[in-house]
Amino acid sequence: MTIVLTSETQDALRKLILLISLHDQDAAERYWTLFQQALARAEPGCDGHLLLWPLSEALGQGGGFYVDWKDTAALVRGVQALCDRVDLRIDWGVGDPLAPAFLARRDVPALMTVAQASLRAAGYTLWCWDTQADAYAGWMIRSRDEDMLAELAGRLHLMIDPADETY
């Protein structure tokens, strides 16, 4: 069964994807196409907050991140992949953020807080959504787009938070 979204929902999702794409129209179109394909595979009744699952699938690791609650290395790699789009490096406070000794002393929320501070200083914000599972997922946007993101999240009934305020 195909899930049909209202034109208002489609418009809001397209705008959300454009924010996540950092206003790159070509990337936004690719993500939109991938989102539609993921939505076609989604369970009937996929709307509101449940739309984040096909969106996360569409974004993959280039436009978003999805990591197990204890996989600190995956978070560092995922956030860095987001930053690579704008040639930005996170100041993790250590030379090698993937060093086992560094990662053993951190958890995913602590690392997201560190990343958020570095991103905000550069004009970006890391966002997370509640996966309602033992995982963290999200994306990065330009900080100046936060009000628009909040409006779109409200229209789409999405539960999202800045990464340094996550559950």
Protein backbone atom coordinates (compact mmCIF):
# COMPACT_ATOMS: atom_id res chain seq x y z
CA MET A 1 0.00 0.00 0.00
CA THR A 2 1.37 3.39 -0.99
CA ILE A 3 1.44 6.11 1.63
CA VAL A 4 -0.01 9.35 0.32
CA LEU A 5 1.13 12.57 1.93
CA THR A 6 -0.87 15.76 1.73
CA SER A 7 0.58 18.55 -0.37
CA GLU A 8 1.17 20.54 2.83
CA THR A 9 3.15 17.66 4.35
CA GLN A 10 5.15 17.19 1.16
CA ASP A 11 5.93 20.92 1.05
CA ALA A 12 7.08 20.92 4.68
CA LEU A 13 9.22 17.81 4.13
CA ARG A 14 10.84 19.31 1.04
CA LYS A 15 11.70 22.44 3.04
CA LEU A 16 13.07 20.32 5.89
CA ILE A 17 15.22 18.33 3.47
CA LEU A 18 16.52 21.57 1.95
CA LEU A 19 17.60 22.75 5.42
CA ILE A 20 19.31 19.42 6.11
CA SER A 21 20.97 19.66 2.68
CA LEU A 22 22.40 23.02 3.77
CA HIS A 23 20.48 24.67 0.90
CA ASP A 24 22.15 22.50 -1.75
CA GLN A 25 19.30 22.06 -4.26
CA ASP A 26 20.89 19.07 -6.00
CA ALA A 27 21.43 17.21 -2.74
CA ALA A 28 17.90 18.09 -1.61
CA GLU A 29 16.44 16.62 -4.80
CA ARG A 30 18.47 13.41 -4.34
CA TYR A 31 17.33 13.10 -0.72
CA TRP A 32 13.72 13.79 -1.73
CA THR A 33 13.83 11.00 -4.30
CA LEU A 34 15.43 8.63 -1.78
CA PHE A 35 12.83 9.67 0.82
CA GLN A 36 9.99 8.84 -1.57
CA GLN A 37 11.53 5.43 -2.23
CA ALA A 38 11.94 4.78 1.50
CA LEU A 39 8.39 5.96 2.14
CA ALA A 40 7.10 3.50 -0.46
CA ARG A 41 8.63 0.71 1.66
CA ALA A 42 7.32 2.11 4.96
CA GLU A 43 4.44 0.68 6.94
CA PRO A 44 0.96 2.06 6.26
CA GLY A 45 0.10 4.82 8.70
CA CYS A 46 3.61 6.29 8.52
CA ASP A 47 3.01 9.95 9.27
CA GLY A 48 4.00 12.57 11.79
CA HIS A 49 6.97 11.46 13.85
CA LEU A 50 7.14 8.13 12.00
CA LEU A 51 8.20 10.02 8.86
CA LEU A 52 11.62 10.36 10.46
CA TRP A 53 12.41 6.70 9.77
CA PRO A 54 12.17 6.95 5.96
CA LEU A 55 13.84 10.37 6.15
CA SER A 56 16.74 8.90 8.12
CA GLU A 57 17.03 6.09 5.58
CA ALA A 58 17.05 8.60 2.72
CA LEU A 59 19.71 10.79 4.33
CA GLY A 60 22.03 7.87 5.01
CA GLN A 61 25.37 8.73 6.59
CA GLY A 62 26.04 11.65 4.25
CA GLY A 63 23.14 13.87 5.29
CA GLY A 64 22.36 12.45 8.69
CA PHE A 65 23.56 10.02 11.30
CA TYR A 66 22.09 7.01 13.07
CA VAL A 67 24.19 5.35 15.77
CA ASP A 68 23.73 2.80 18.52
CA TRP A 69 23.50 4.37 21.99
CA LYS A 70 26.98 3.17 22.92
CA ASP A 71 28.80 3.44 19.57
CA THR A 72 30.91 6.50 20.22
CA ALA A 73 33.20 5.84 17.26
CA ALA A 74 30.23 5.75 14.88
CA LEU A 75 29.03 9.08 16.25
CA VAL A 76 32.42 10.72 15.73
CA ARG A 77 32.59 9.36 12.17
CA GLY A 78 28.96 10.30 11.45
CA VAL A 79 29.29 13.86 12.70
CA GLN A 80 32.54 14.28 10.81
CA ALA A 81 30.84 13.09 7.61
CA LEU A 82 28.25 15.84 8.09
CA CYS A 83 31.00 18.39 8.66
CA ASP A 84 32.94 17.26 5.60
CA ARG A 85 30.20 18.83 3.44
CA VAL A 86 31.31 22.28 4.62
CA ASP A 87 35.00 21.56 5.23
CA LEU A 88 34.62 21.85 9.00
CA ARG A 89 36.44 19.95 11.73
CA ILE A 90 35.06 19.38 15.20
CA ASP A 91 37.35 20.28 18.07
CA TRP A 92 36.98 17.11 20.13
CA GLY A 93 39.68 18.31 22.52
CA VAL A 94 42.06 15.52 21.52
CA GLY A 95 44.33 14.77 18.57
CA ASP A 96 42.62 11.51 17.59
CA PRO A 97 38.92 11.43 18.50
CA LEU A 98 38.77 7.78 17.41
CA ALA A 99 41.48 6.70 19.86
CA PRO A 100 40.10 3.90 22.05
CA ALA A 101 41.31 5.58 25.24
CA PHE A 102 39.42 8.79 24.38
CA LEU A 103 36.22 7.00 23.36
CA ALA A 104 36.26 4.75 26.44
CA ARG A 105 35.87 7.83 28.66
CA ARG A 106 32.93 9.33 26.72
CA ASP A 107 29.38 8.38 25.88
CA VAL A 108 27.34 9.44 22.84
CA PRO A 109 25.47 12.31 24.59
CA ALA A 110 28.75 13.75 25.92
CA LEU A 111 30.29 13.63 22.44
CA MET A 112 27.20 15.27 20.91
CA THR A 113 27.58 18.11 23.43
CA VAL A 114 31.22 18.60 22.41
CA ALA A 115 30.30 18.51 18.73
CA GLN A 116 27.45 20.96 19.29
CA ALA A 117 29.73 23.55 20.90
CA SER A 118 32.16 23.35 17.99
CA LEU A 119 29.37 23.45 15.40
CA ARG A 120 27.58 26.40 17.00
CA ALA A 121 30.83 28.38 16.98
CA ALA A 122 31.00 27.75 13.23
CA GLY A 123 27.33 28.67 12.57
CA TYR A 124 25.81 25.17 12.49
CA THR A 125 23.62 23.16 14.83
CA LEU A 126 23.38 19.42 15.35
CA TRP A 127 19.82 18.09 15.83
CA CYS A 128 18.57 14.74 17.10
CA TRP A 129 15.25 13.00 16.96
CA ASP A 130 13.86 10.53 19.42
CA THR A 131 14.24 7.11 17.81
CA GLN A 132 12.35 5.54 20.73
CA ALA A 133 15.08 2.90 20.61
CA ASP A 134 18.61 2.45 21.94
CA ALA A 135 20.00 4.75 19.27
CA TYR A 136 20.62 8.37 18.35
CA ALA A 137 19.79 9.88 14.98
CA GLY A 138 19.88 13.34 13.52
CA TRP A 139 21.37 15.87 11.16
CA MET A 140 23.12 19.22 10.93
CA ILE A 141 21.66 22.53 9.74
CA ARG A 142 22.83 26.12 9.57
CA SER A 143 22.13 27.80 12.89
CA ARG A 144 20.35 30.67 11.15
CA ASP A 145 17.72 28.11 10.00
CA GLU A 146 16.74 27.03 13.53
CA ASP A 147 13.49 29.02 13.57
CA MET A 148 12.42 27.54 10.24
CA LEU A 149 13.33 24.07 11.48
CA ALA A 150 11.22 24.59 14.60
CA GLU A 151 8.26 25.72 12.49
CA LEU A 152 8.58 22.74 10.14
CA ALA A 153 8.97 20.32 13.06
CA GLY A 154 5.74 21.68 14.52
CA ARG A 155 3.87 21.35 11.22
CA LEU A 156 5.14 17.79 10.78
CA HIS A 157 4.66 16.77 14.46
CA LEU A 158 8.33 15.85 14.82
CA MET A 159 10.02 15.43 18.20
CA ILE A 160 13.48 16.87 17.64
CA ASP A 161 15.97 18.59 19.92
CA PRO A 162 19.37 20.24 19.62
CA ALA A 163 21.94 17.49 20.16
CA ASP A 164 23.20 19.01 23.41
CA GLU A 165 19.67 18.89 24.88
CA THR A 166 18.82 15.36 23.84
CA TYR A 167 17.23 12.75 26.09
